[in-house]
Amino acid sequence: MSAEGAEGKLLSYSAGSPTVLRILLGTQLRRLRTEKGISREDAGYSIRASHAKISRLELGQVSFKQRDVADLLTLYGVTDPAEREPLLALAEQANAPGWWHKYGDVLPGWFEVYIGLEGAASSMRTYENQFVPGLLQTADYARAVIELAHEKAPKPELDRRVDLRTTRQKRLESGLTIWAVIDEAVVRRTLGSPETMREQIAHLLDLTAERNITVQIMPFDRGGHAAAGGPFSILRFPERELPDVVYMEQLTSALYLDKPADSDHYMEVMDRLSIQAEEPKQTRRFLERLISG
């Protein structure tokens, strides 16, 4: 894609997610480097950095210095100002803080990357075997989940963490499509009070009426299934230049996979889960029975 094309993509991001802008710029730099047959080691030498930093830059995992981008563009033979300026502008905007910056006191760096990806994704497919997916949680249920990991946190901190989660849910009002497969254990296990769970299940029922939200329950009687390894999410973006990203959260870190071989494998697993799970209409009846029982 030309630099002018990169500028067009930049202007198309209404959310202006810096995470995705970094990934977009990194993708362009990786393409330029490989087209010239330049190694990561040589690219790193040109900006006084290691090949590992070049790898992180190309994956959009770190911020960009204007000088580094300019030096790399020169190394890659991009000397025409009409081609350089859009990419340099992209680097500047990619370093701008996202809306979540104000939650920096309660937001770990590894999860900040995910929020940026979530903010620019057009669709998400997710499997959960322990909790209701964050974007589908009620405030009281979210508080119960958050308290499990932050039981000693003072109330003001808990309030901010809940507010961050509910603010993320605004993505559902602005075009994000989510397809969630949820293990039966999630809706059987009580978190918070029984009333909290009843409210959460009722909320799931309400959400299933939305055109951009699909929910499927994976019943106990299906036995073993394709996602025995645990929960994961697959994020897809409207820009073809951005690869699908598989996200797997751990206790104090997260794993991000963006190689096609990985994302294709997880998509196949998700497809099998969707076939094994209750269909959406059956899921509604399942939830209705659960809430009336």
C-alpha atoms as a PDB file:
ATOM      1  CA  MET A   1       0.000   0.000   0.000  1.00  0.00           C
ATOM      2  CA  SER A   2       1.284   3.492  -0.860  1.00  0.00           C
ATOM      3  CA  ALA A   3       1.996   6.117   1.767  1.00  0.00           C
ATOM      4  CA  GLU A   4      -0.996   8.075   0.443  1.00  0.00           C
ATOM      5  CA  GLY A   5      -3.072   4.977   1.127  1.00  0.00           C
ATOM      6  CA  ALA A   6      -1.705   4.859   4.651  1.00  0.00           C
ATOM      7  CA  GLU A   7      -2.834   8.447   5.151  1.00  0.00           C
ATOM      8  CA  GLY A   8      -6.314   7.563   3.937  1.00  0.00           C
ATOM      9  CA  LYS A   9      -6.476   4.697   6.399  1.00  0.00           C
ATOM     10  CA  LEU A  10      -5.312   7.000   9.161  1.00  0.00           C
ATOM     11  CA  LEU A  11      -8.106   9.453   8.465  1.00  0.00           C
ATOM     12  CA  SER A  12     -10.676   6.651   8.425  1.00  0.00           C
ATOM     13  CA  TYR A  13     -10.193   5.820  12.095  1.00  0.00           C
ATOM     14  CA  SER A  14     -12.962   7.738  13.822  1.00  0.00           C
ATOM     15  CA  ALA A  15     -11.919   6.285  17.180  1.00  0.00           C
ATOM     16  CA  GLY A  16      -8.280   7.225  16.565  1.00  0.00           C
ATOM     17  CA  SER A  17      -7.023   4.248  18.545  1.00  0.00           C
ATOM     18  CA  PRO A  18      -3.277   4.816  19.039  1.00  0.00           C
ATOM     19  CA  THR A  19      -2.752   1.071  19.463  1.00  0.00           C
ATOM     20  CA  VAL A  20      -4.163   0.331  16.032  1.00  0.00           C
ATOM     21  CA  LEU A  21      -2.364   3.287  14.468  1.00  0.00           C
ATOM     22  CA  ARG A  22       0.903   1.855  15.797  1.00  0.00           C
ATOM     23  CA  ILE A  23       0.060  -1.534  14.325  1.00  0.00           C
ATOM     24  CA  LEU A  24      -0.841   0.065  11.003  1.00  0.00           C
ATOM     25  CA  LEU A  25       2.430   2.007  10.877  1.00  0.00           C
ATOM     26  CA  GLY A  26       4.409  -1.043  11.987  1.00  0.00           C
ATOM     27  CA  THR A  27       2.809  -3.054   9.193  1.00  0.00           C
ATOM     28  CA  GLN A  28       3.877  -0.453   6.634  1.00  0.00           C
ATOM     29  CA  LEU A  29       7.437  -0.367   7.968  1.00  0.00           C
ATOM     30  CA  ARG A  30       7.685  -4.151   7.918  1.00  0.00           C
ATOM     31  CA  ARG A  31       6.448  -4.229   4.316  1.00  0.00           C
ATOM     32  CA  LEU A  32       8.982  -1.588   3.252  1.00  0.00           C
ATOM     33  CA  ARG A  33      11.829  -3.393   5.013  1.00  0.00           C
ATOM     34  CA  THR A  34      11.073  -6.810   3.529  1.00  0.00           C
ATOM     35  CA  GLU A  35      10.611  -5.357   0.043  1.00  0.00           C
ATOM     36  CA  LYS A  36      14.159  -4.004   0.268  1.00  0.00           C
ATOM     37  CA  GLY A  37      15.512  -7.263   1.675  1.00  0.00           C
ATOM     38  CA  ILE A  38      16.849  -5.530   4.791  1.00  0.00           C
ATOM     39  CA  SER A  39      17.263  -7.584   7.962  1.00  0.00           C
ATOM     40  CA  ARG A  40      15.911  -6.517  11.348  1.00  0.00           C
ATOM     41  CA  GLU A  41      19.496  -6.368  12.586  1.00  0.00           C
ATOM     42  CA  ASP A  42      20.499  -3.842   9.897  1.00  0.00           C
ATOM     43  CA  ALA A  43      17.318  -1.826  10.432  1.00  0.00           C
ATOM     44  CA  GLY A  44      18.010  -1.745  14.161  1.00  0.00           C
ATOM     45  CA  TYR A  45      21.594  -0.602  13.582  1.00  0.00           C
ATOM     46  CA  SER A  46      20.345   2.359  11.551  1.00  0.00           C
ATOM     47  CA  ILE A  47      18.348   3.702  14.516  1.00  0.00           C
ATOM     48  CA  ARG A  48      20.804   2.620  17.215  1.00  0.00           C
ATOM     49  CA  ALA A  49      18.540  -0.178  18.443  1.00  0.00           C
ATOM     50  CA  SER A  50      18.367  -3.968  18.573  1.00  0.00           C
ATOM     51  CA  HIS A  51      16.583  -6.250  16.136  1.00  0.00           C
ATOM     52  CA  ALA A  52      14.168  -6.997  19.003  1.00  0.00           C
ATOM     53  CA  LYS A  53      13.089  -3.351  19.092  1.00  0.00           C
ATOM     54  CA  ILE A  54      12.489  -3.402  15.325  1.00  0.00           C
ATOM     55  CA  SER A  55      10.280  -6.435  15.880  1.00  0.00           C
ATOM     56  CA  ARG A  56       8.310  -4.614  18.597  1.00  0.00           C
ATOM     57  CA  LEU A  57       7.965  -1.535  16.401  1.00  0.00           C
ATOM     58  CA  GLU A  58       6.690  -3.591  13.486  1.00  0.00           C
ATOM     59  CA  LEU A  59       4.143  -5.293  15.745  1.00  0.00           C
ATOM     60  CA  GLY A  60       2.950  -1.936  17.107  1.00  0.00           C
ATOM     61  CA  GLN A  61       3.863  -2.894  20.666  1.00  0.00           C
ATOM     62  CA  VAL A  62       5.816   0.276  21.490  1.00  0.00           C
ATOM     63  CA  SER A  63       5.575   3.955  20.667  1.00  0.00           C
ATOM     64  CA  PHE A  64       7.501   5.497  17.758  1.00  0.00           C
ATOM     65  CA  LYS A  65      10.060   8.284  17.751  1.00  0.00           C
ATOM     66  CA  GLN A  66       9.724  10.591  14.760  1.00  0.00           C
ATOM     67  CA  ARG A  67      13.490  10.475  14.229  1.00  0.00           C
ATOM     68  CA  ASP A  68      13.502   6.665  14.167  1.00  0.00           C
ATOM     69  CA  VAL A  69      10.674   6.513  11.626  1.00  0.00           C
ATOM     70  CA  ALA A  70      12.411   9.118   9.464  1.00  0.00           C
ATOM     71  CA  ASP A  71      15.702   7.187   9.574  1.00  0.00           C
ATOM     72  CA  LEU A  72      13.982   3.910   8.719  1.00  0.00           C
ATOM     73  CA  LEU A  73      12.127   5.476   5.798  1.00  0.00           C
ATOM     74  CA  THR A  74      15.427   6.792   4.449  1.00  0.00           C
ATOM     75  CA  LEU A  75      17.015   3.346   4.828  1.00  0.00           C
ATOM     76  CA  TYR A  76      14.066   1.798   2.985  1.00  0.00           C
ATOM     77  CA  GLY A  77      14.403   4.253   0.103  1.00  0.00           C
ATOM     78  CA  VAL A  78      11.286   6.319   0.878  1.00  0.00           C
ATOM     79  CA  THR A  79      12.681   9.784   0.103  1.00  0.00           C
ATOM     80  CA  ASP A  80       9.769  11.504  -1.661  1.00  0.00           C
ATOM     81  CA  PRO A  81       8.150  13.963   0.822  1.00  0.00           C
ATOM     82  CA  ALA A  82       4.728  13.042  -0.565  1.00  0.00           C
ATOM     83  CA  GLU A  83       5.319   9.468   0.591  1.00  0.00           C
ATOM     84  CA  ARG A  84       7.183  10.240   3.814  1.00  0.00           C
ATOM     85  CA  GLU A  85       4.910  12.846   5.373  1.00  0.00           C
ATOM     86  CA  PRO A  86       1.777  10.695   5.777  1.00  0.00           C
ATOM     87  CA  LEU A  87       3.806   8.008   7.546  1.00  0.00           C
ATOM     88  CA  LEU A  88       5.503  10.551   9.791  1.00  0.00           C
ATOM     89  CA  ALA A  89       2.092  12.032  10.587  1.00  0.00           C
ATOM     90  CA  LEU A  90       0.875   8.532  11.389  1.00  0.00           C
ATOM     91  CA  ALA A  91       3.776   8.121  13.829  1.00  0.00           C
ATOM     92  CA  GLU A  92       2.834  11.363  15.583  1.00  0.00           C
ATOM     93  CA  GLN A  93      -0.828  10.423  15.965  1.00  0.00           C
ATOM     94  CA  ALA A  94       0.047   6.880  17.033  1.00  0.00           C
ATOM     95  CA  ASN A  95       1.775   8.334  20.093  1.00  0.00           C
ATOM     96  CA  ALA A  96      -1.308  10.239  21.241  1.00  0.00           C
ATOM     97  CA  PRO A  97      -2.921   8.886  24.435  1.00  0.00           C
ATOM     98  CA  GLY A  98      -6.197   6.994  24.085  1.00  0.00           C
ATOM     99  CA  TRP A  99      -9.380   7.748  26.019  1.00  0.00           C
ATOM    100  CA  TRP A 100      -8.315   5.158  28.578  1.00  0.00           C
ATOM    101  CA  HIS A 101      -5.205   7.168  29.480  1.00  0.00           C
ATOM    102  CA  LYS A 102      -7.069   8.752  32.420  1.00  0.00           C
ATOM    103  CA  TYR A 103      -7.411   5.286  33.948  1.00  0.00           C
ATOM    104  CA  GLY A 104      -3.653   4.755  33.955  1.00  0.00           C
ATOM    105  CA  ASP A 105      -3.591   4.335  37.735  1.00  0.00           C
ATOM    106  CA  VAL A 106      -5.706   1.159  37.511  1.00  0.00           C
ATOM    107  CA  LEU A 107      -4.805  -0.016  34.012  1.00  0.00           C
ATOM    108  CA  PRO A 108      -1.798  -2.348  33.504  1.00  0.00           C
ATOM    109  CA  GLY A 109       0.226  -1.737  30.352  1.00  0.00           C
ATOM    110  CA  TRP A 110      -0.433  -5.194  28.929  1.00  0.00           C
ATOM    111  CA  PHE A 111      -4.191  -4.597  29.075  1.00  0.00           C
ATOM    112  CA  GLU A 112      -3.918  -1.108  27.596  1.00  0.00           C
ATOM    113  CA  VAL A 113      -2.877  -2.750  24.333  1.00  0.00           C
ATOM    114  CA  TYR A 114      -6.037  -4.838  24.359  1.00  0.00           C
ATOM    115  CA  ILE A 115      -8.333  -1.856  24.971  1.00  0.00           C
ATOM    116  CA  GLY A 116      -6.766  -0.108  21.995  1.00  0.00           C
ATOM    117  CA  LEU A 117      -7.398  -3.143  19.810  1.00  0.00           C
ATOM    118  CA  GLU A 118     -10.929  -3.528  21.113  1.00  0.00           C
ATOM    119  CA  GLY A 119     -11.602   0.125  20.396  1.00  0.00           C
ATOM    120  CA  ALA A 120     -10.804  -0.245  16.698  1.00  0.00           C
ATOM    121  CA  ALA A 121     -12.063  -3.770  16.019  1.00  0.00           C
ATOM    122  CA  SER A 122     -15.087  -4.280  13.808  1.00  0.00           C
ATOM    123  CA  SER A 123     -15.884  -7.722  15.201  1.00  0.00           C
ATOM    124  CA  MET A 124     -14.948  -9.979  18.088  1.00  0.00           C
ATOM    125  CA  ARG A 125     -15.469 -13.677  18.656  1.00  0.00           C
ATOM    126  CA  THR A 126     -14.859 -14.864  22.188  1.00  0.00           C
ATOM    127  CA  TYR A 127     -15.032 -18.005  24.290  1.00  0.00           C
ATOM    128  CA  GLU A 128     -15.351 -17.816  28.080  1.00  0.00           C
ATOM    129  CA  ASN A 129     -15.432 -20.648  30.611  1.00  0.00           C
ATOM    130  CA  GLN A 130     -15.284 -18.714  33.886  1.00  0.00           C
ATOM    131  CA  PHE A 131     -16.837 -15.243  33.575  1.00  0.00           C
ATOM    132  CA  VAL A 132     -19.351 -13.459  31.394  1.00  0.00           C
ATOM    133  CA  PRO A 133     -17.315 -11.552  28.759  1.00  0.00           C
ATOM    134  CA  GLY A 134     -16.405  -8.074  30.009  1.00  0.00           C
ATOM    135  CA  LEU A 135     -18.383  -6.224  27.344  1.00  0.00           C
ATOM    136  CA  LEU A 136     -21.539  -8.113  28.371  1.00  0.00           C
ATOM    137  CA  GLN A 137     -21.284  -7.660  32.140  1.00  0.00           C
ATOM    138  CA  THR A 138     -23.588  -5.627  34.356  1.00  0.00           C
ATOM    139  CA  ALA A 139     -21.939  -3.153  36.700  1.00  0.00           C
ATOM    140  CA  ASP A 140     -22.680  -5.265  39.803  1.00  0.00           C
ATOM    141  CA  TYR A 141     -21.412  -8.452  38.185  1.00  0.00           C
ATOM    142  CA  ALA A 142     -18.292  -6.602  36.977  1.00  0.00           C
ATOM    143  CA  ARG A 143     -17.659  -5.412  40.525  1.00  0.00           C
ATOM    144  CA  ALA A 144     -17.940  -8.984  41.842  1.00  0.00           C
ATOM    145  CA  VAL A 145     -15.435 -10.194  39.228  1.00  0.00           C
ATOM    146  CA  ILE A 146     -13.025  -7.331  39.888  1.00  0.00           C
ATOM    147  CA  GLU A 147     -13.155  -7.879  43.650  1.00  0.00           C
ATOM    148  CA  LEU A 148     -11.873 -11.423  43.154  1.00  0.00           C
ATOM    149  CA  ALA A 149      -8.559 -10.062  41.878  1.00  0.00           C
ATOM    150  CA  HIS A 150      -8.485  -6.870  43.962  1.00  0.00           C
ATOM    151  CA  GLU A 151     -10.080  -7.878  47.247  1.00  0.00           C
ATOM    152  CA  LYS A 152      -7.970  -5.418  49.263  1.00  0.00           C
ATOM    153  CA  ALA A 153      -8.548  -2.445  46.957  1.00  0.00           C
ATOM    154  CA  PRO A 154     -10.371   0.553  48.493  1.00  0.00           C
ATOM    155  CA  LYS A 155     -13.845   1.380  47.226  1.00  0.00           C
ATOM    156  CA  PRO A 156     -12.754   4.406  45.097  1.00  0.00           C
ATOM    157  CA  GLU A 157     -10.311   2.178  43.198  1.00  0.00           C
ATOM    158  CA  LEU A 158     -12.960  -0.505  42.683  1.00  0.00           C
ATOM    159  CA  ASP A 159     -15.342   2.174  41.421  1.00  0.00           C
ATOM    160  CA  ARG A 160     -12.789   3.323  38.839  1.00  0.00           C
ATOM    161  CA  ARG A 161     -12.145  -0.223  37.661  1.00  0.00           C
ATOM    162  CA  VAL A 162     -15.884  -0.823  37.235  1.00  0.00           C
ATOM    163  CA  ASP A 163     -16.232   2.515  35.442  1.00  0.00           C
ATOM    164  CA  LEU A 164     -13.443   1.562  33.044  1.00  0.00           C
ATOM    165  CA  ARG A 165     -15.209  -1.696  32.193  1.00  0.00           C
ATOM    166  CA  THR A 166     -18.614  -0.094  31.663  1.00  0.00           C
ATOM    167  CA  THR A 167     -17.038   2.662  29.553  1.00  0.00           C
ATOM    168  CA  ARG A 168     -15.535  -0.007  27.295  1.00  0.00           C
ATOM    169  CA  GLN A 169     -19.045  -1.321  26.702  1.00  0.00           C
ATOM    170  CA  LYS A 170     -19.877   1.780  24.673  1.00  0.00           C
ATOM    171  CA  ARG A 171     -18.154   0.019  21.772  1.00  0.00           C
ATOM    172  CA  LEU A 172     -21.292  -2.099  21.468  1.00  0.00           C
ATOM    173  CA  GLU A 173     -23.199   1.087  20.626  1.00  0.00           C
ATOM    174  CA  SER A 174     -20.757   2.135  17.919  1.00  0.00           C
ATOM    175  CA  GLY A 175     -20.544  -0.759  15.510  1.00  0.00           C
ATOM    176  CA  LEU A 176     -18.669  -3.565  17.250  1.00  0.00           C
ATOM    177  CA  THR A 177     -20.116  -7.022  16.526  1.00  0.00           C
ATOM    178  CA  ILE A 178     -19.564  -9.635  19.217  1.00  0.00           C
ATOM    179  CA  TRP A 179     -20.215 -13.381  19.020  1.00  0.00           C
ATOM    180  CA  ALA A 180     -19.705 -15.074  22.391  1.00  0.00           C
ATOM    181  CA  VAL A 181     -19.709 -18.739  23.306  1.00  0.00           C
ATOM    182  CA  ILE A 182     -20.084 -19.060  27.084  1.00  0.00           C
ATOM    183  CA  ASP A 183     -19.659 -22.240  29.090  1.00  0.00           C
ATOM    184  CA  GLU A 184     -22.677 -23.250  31.179  1.00  0.00           C
ATOM    185  CA  ALA A 185     -20.531 -23.019  34.314  1.00  0.00           C
ATOM    186  CA  VAL A 186     -20.346 -19.244  33.818  1.00  0.00           C
ATOM    187  CA  VAL A 187     -24.084 -18.748  34.285  1.00  0.00           C
ATOM    188  CA  ARG A 188     -24.363 -21.435  36.964  1.00  0.00           C
ATOM    189  CA  ARG A 189     -21.595 -20.094  39.210  1.00  0.00           C
ATOM    190  CA  THR A 190     -22.825 -17.372  41.564  1.00  0.00           C
ATOM    191  CA  LEU A 191     -20.686 -14.235  41.680  1.00  0.00           C
ATOM    192  CA  GLY A 192     -21.814 -11.544  44.062  1.00  0.00           C
ATOM    193  CA  SER A 193     -25.343 -12.117  45.317  1.00  0.00           C
ATOM    194  CA  PRO A 194     -28.089 -14.286  43.769  1.00  0.00           C
ATOM    195  CA  GLU A 195     -29.747 -11.040  42.702  1.00  0.00           C
ATOM    196  CA  THR A 196     -26.544  -9.964  40.954  1.00  0.00           C
ATOM    197  CA  MET A 197     -26.584 -13.211  38.970  1.00  0.00           C
ATOM    198  CA  ARG A 198     -30.272 -12.905  38.154  1.00  0.00           C
ATOM    199  CA  GLU A 199     -29.698  -9.378  36.881  1.00  0.00           C
ATOM    200  CA  GLN A 200     -26.705 -10.549  34.829  1.00  0.00           C
ATOM    201  CA  ILE A 201     -28.624 -13.383  33.187  1.00  0.00           C
ATOM    202  CA  ALA A 202     -31.520 -11.029  32.437  1.00  0.00           C
ATOM    203  CA  HIS A 203     -28.999  -8.647  30.892  1.00  0.00           C
ATOM    204  CA  LEU A 204     -27.640 -11.416  28.670  1.00  0.00           C
ATOM    205  CA  LEU A 205     -31.192 -12.145  27.560  1.00  0.00           C
ATOM    206  CA  ASP A 206     -31.726  -8.503  26.671  1.00  0.00           C
ATOM    207  CA  LEU A 207     -28.457  -8.366  24.746  1.00  0.00           C
ATOM    208  CA  THR A 208     -29.370 -11.371  22.607  1.00  0.00           C
ATOM    209  CA  ALA A 209     -32.082  -9.207  21.038  1.00  0.00           C
ATOM    210  CA  GLU A 210     -29.436  -6.832  19.658  1.00  0.00           C
ATOM    211  CA  ARG A 211     -28.476  -7.373  16.025  1.00  0.00           C
ATOM    212  CA  ASN A 212     -24.742  -7.014  16.694  1.00  0.00           C
ATOM    213  CA  ILE A 213     -24.626  -9.468  19.612  1.00  0.00           C
ATOM    214  CA  THR A 214     -24.781 -13.269  19.419  1.00  0.00           C
ATOM    215  CA  VAL A 215     -24.623 -15.432  22.537  1.00  0.00           C
ATOM    216  CA  GLN A 216     -24.374 -19.223  22.676  1.00  0.00           C
ATOM    217  CA  ILE A 217     -24.237 -21.398  25.789  1.00  0.00           C
ATOM    218  CA  MET A 218     -21.979 -24.451  25.789  1.00  0.00           C
ATOM    219  CA  PRO A 219     -23.953 -26.958  27.939  1.00  0.00           C
ATOM    220  CA  PHE A 220     -22.344 -29.426  30.315  1.00  0.00           C
ATOM    221  CA  ASP A 221     -23.834 -32.350  28.390  1.00  0.00           C
ATOM    222  CA  ARG A 222     -21.634 -31.614  25.358  1.00  0.00           C
ATOM    223  CA  GLY A 223     -18.689 -33.064  27.256  1.00  0.00           C
ATOM    224  CA  GLY A 224     -15.211 -32.148  26.060  1.00  0.00           C
ATOM    225  CA  HIS A 225     -14.869 -29.541  23.337  1.00  0.00           C
ATOM    226  CA  ALA A 226     -12.358 -27.777  21.127  1.00  0.00           C
ATOM    227  CA  ALA A 227     -11.411 -24.996  23.575  1.00  0.00           C
ATOM    228  CA  ALA A 228     -10.187 -27.165  26.425  1.00  0.00           C
ATOM    229  CA  GLY A 229      -7.168 -24.852  26.734  1.00  0.00           C
ATOM    230  CA  GLY A 230      -9.177 -21.953  28.142  1.00  0.00           C
ATOM    231  CA  PRO A 231     -10.790 -18.640  27.170  1.00  0.00           C
ATOM    232  CA  PHE A 232      -9.672 -16.527  24.219  1.00  0.00           C
ATOM    233  CA  SER A 233     -10.881 -13.771  21.928  1.00  0.00           C
ATOM    234  CA  ILE A 234     -10.306 -13.083  18.239  1.00  0.00           C
ATOM    235  CA  LEU A 235     -10.383  -9.464  17.104  1.00  0.00           C
ATOM    236  CA  ARG A 236     -10.912  -8.523  13.466  1.00  0.00           C
ATOM    237  CA  PHE A 237     -10.462  -5.045  12.000  1.00  0.00           C
ATOM    238  CA  PRO A 238     -12.068  -3.222   9.076  1.00  0.00           C
ATOM    239  CA  GLU A 239      -8.676  -2.535   7.476  1.00  0.00           C
ATOM    240  CA  ARG A 240      -7.320  -5.437   5.443  1.00  0.00           C
ATOM    241  CA  GLU A 241      -3.757  -4.417   6.329  1.00  0.00           C
ATOM    242  CA  LEU A 242      -4.368  -5.316   9.966  1.00  0.00           C
ATOM    243  CA  PRO A 243      -4.199  -9.026  10.812  1.00  0.00           C
ATOM    244  CA  ASP A 244      -6.650 -10.760  13.105  1.00  0.00           C
ATOM    245  CA  VAL A 245      -5.387 -10.761  16.682  1.00  0.00           C
ATOM    246  CA  VAL A 246      -5.929 -13.600  19.143  1.00  0.00           C
ATOM    247  CA  TYR A 247      -5.975 -12.409  22.755  1.00  0.00           C
ATOM    248  CA  MET A 248      -5.525 -14.655  25.795  1.00  0.00           C
ATOM    249  CA  GLU A 249      -5.529 -13.073  29.227  1.00  0.00           C
ATOM    250  CA  GLN A 250      -3.582 -14.431  32.175  1.00  0.00           C
ATOM    251  CA  LEU A 251      -3.395 -13.315  35.798  1.00  0.00           C
ATOM    252  CA  THR A 252      -0.743 -10.633  35.350  1.00  0.00           C
ATOM    253  CA  SER A 253      -0.109 -10.560  31.605  1.00  0.00           C
ATOM    254  CA  ALA A 254      -1.623 -11.389  28.245  1.00  0.00           C
ATOM    255  CA  LEU A 255      -0.662 -13.151  25.043  1.00  0.00           C
ATOM    256  CA  TYR A 256      -1.283 -11.591  21.631  1.00  0.00           C
ATOM    257  CA  LEU A 257      -1.024 -13.716  18.481  1.00  0.00           C
ATOM    258  CA  ASP A 258      -1.214 -12.117  15.046  1.00  0.00           C
ATOM    259  CA  LYS A 259       0.411 -14.656  12.742  1.00  0.00           C
ATOM    260  CA  PRO A 260      -2.146 -16.033  10.235  1.00  0.00           C
ATOM    261  CA  ALA A 261      -1.277 -19.618  11.147  1.00  0.00           C
ATOM    262  CA  ASP A 262      -2.229 -18.921  14.769  1.00  0.00           C
ATOM    263  CA  SER A 263      -5.338 -16.837  14.126  1.00  0.00           C
ATOM    264  CA  ASP A 264      -6.597 -19.302  11.499  1.00  0.00           C
ATOM    265  CA  HIS A 265      -6.230 -22.162  13.978  1.00  0.00           C
ATOM    266  CA  TYR A 266      -8.146 -20.306  16.681  1.00  0.00           C
ATOM    267  CA  MET A 267     -10.843 -19.326  14.202  1.00  0.00           C
ATOM    268  CA  GLU A 268     -11.275 -22.993  13.328  1.00  0.00           C
ATOM    269  CA  VAL A 269     -11.610 -23.785  17.030  1.00  0.00           C
ATOM    270  CA  MET A 270     -14.186 -21.022  17.424  1.00  0.00           C
ATOM    271  CA  ASP A 271     -16.161 -22.335  14.465  1.00  0.00           C
ATOM    272  CA  ARG A 272     -16.256 -25.801  16.056  1.00  0.00           C
ATOM    273  CA  LEU A 273     -17.356 -24.317  19.376  1.00  0.00           C
ATOM    274  CA  SER A 274     -20.200 -22.490  17.668  1.00  0.00           C
ATOM    275  CA  ILE A 275     -21.372 -25.755  16.106  1.00  0.00           C
ATOM    276  CA  GLN A 276     -21.142 -27.660  19.405  1.00  0.00           C
ATOM    277  CA  ALA A 277     -22.871 -25.000  21.514  1.00  0.00           C
ATOM    278  CA  GLU A 278     -26.598 -24.337  21.760  1.00  0.00           C
ATOM    279  CA  GLU A 279     -27.918 -22.289  18.850  1.00  0.00           C
ATOM    280  CA  PRO A 280     -28.794 -18.654  19.691  1.00  0.00           C
ATOM    281  CA  LYS A 281     -32.555 -19.337  19.924  1.00  0.00           C
ATOM    282  CA  GLN A 282     -31.947 -22.366  22.139  1.00  0.00           C
ATOM    283  CA  THR A 283     -29.594 -20.264  24.242  1.00  0.00           C
ATOM    284  CA  ARG A 284     -32.391 -17.762  24.835  1.00  0.00           C
ATOM    285  CA  ARG A 285     -34.691 -20.550  26.027  1.00  0.00           C
ATOM    286  CA  PHE A 286     -31.867 -21.911  28.213  1.00  0.00           C
ATOM    287  CA  LEU A 287     -31.394 -18.518  29.883  1.00  0.00           C
ATOM    288  CA  GLU A 288     -35.123 -18.026  30.297  1.00  0.00           C
ATOM    289  CA  ARG A 289     -35.414 -21.392  32.086  1.00  0.00           C
ATOM    290  CA  LEU A 290     -32.426 -20.530  34.245  1.00  0.00           C
ATOM    291  CA  ILE A 291     -33.798 -17.175  35.348  1.00  0.00           C
ATOM    292  CA  SER A 292     -37.271 -18.567  36.069  1.00  0.00           C
ATOM    293  CA  GLY A 293     -36.045 -21.653  37.883  1.00  0.00           C
END
